[in-house]
């Protein structure tokens, strides 16, 4: 196994609940209503996609940049107070570091949001961090994972991606990586080169090495 790449929202930390809170508040400012079903349309997507969708649903004339600012400010404010790390995440990160496996964080979130979470989780846990600001195309495009692999000078085919959304799984698969999926808001089916589990507590470095070896 050359490297392990972790998604952030919903996989590393329980920020999807924070996203729902912020989206609900912002939609109220737009004069509309927001639901869990609306959120499922945006899981694993970019801020641009979120802004466009919310403006379409609400029919509001608010400028996209204004809405983007509301979203980012709301997320950073809530995340700066702390966020719940998903079960098994820190233990797996520590085990990988102990075995000298390069680890990356690859997210479709903006840099400001990632930094708010990393200030709580620990930036030094990752050898590389790729956010939406570092790429021209976000997940489900493979560019984020290919960029992370290139930064670490590792082979995607011998690397493992850990994801919680269909968009993220599609990005990791398209990049040529093996994938571990921990579904959060949307179901993900098993497939060749993909292991589906209910929690990161089920994942060990041995499991990742076996998956990477079979895939590579």
Foldseek 3Di string as FASTA:
>chain_A
DQAEEEEPDPAFFPCLVLLQVLLQVLLVVQVHGDDLVLSLVDPQHALLVVLVSSCVRSVGPDDSVVSSVSSLVSLLVVLLVHTGTFPQNVVQLVQCVVVVRAYEYFGAYDPSNVVSNCVHVPPVSHPYYHYVVNDPDGFVALVRVLVVCVVSVHQQLLYEYEEADPRSVNNSVNSNHQYEYQHDSDDDDDDQSYHYDPGNVVDHVVNSNVSSVVRD
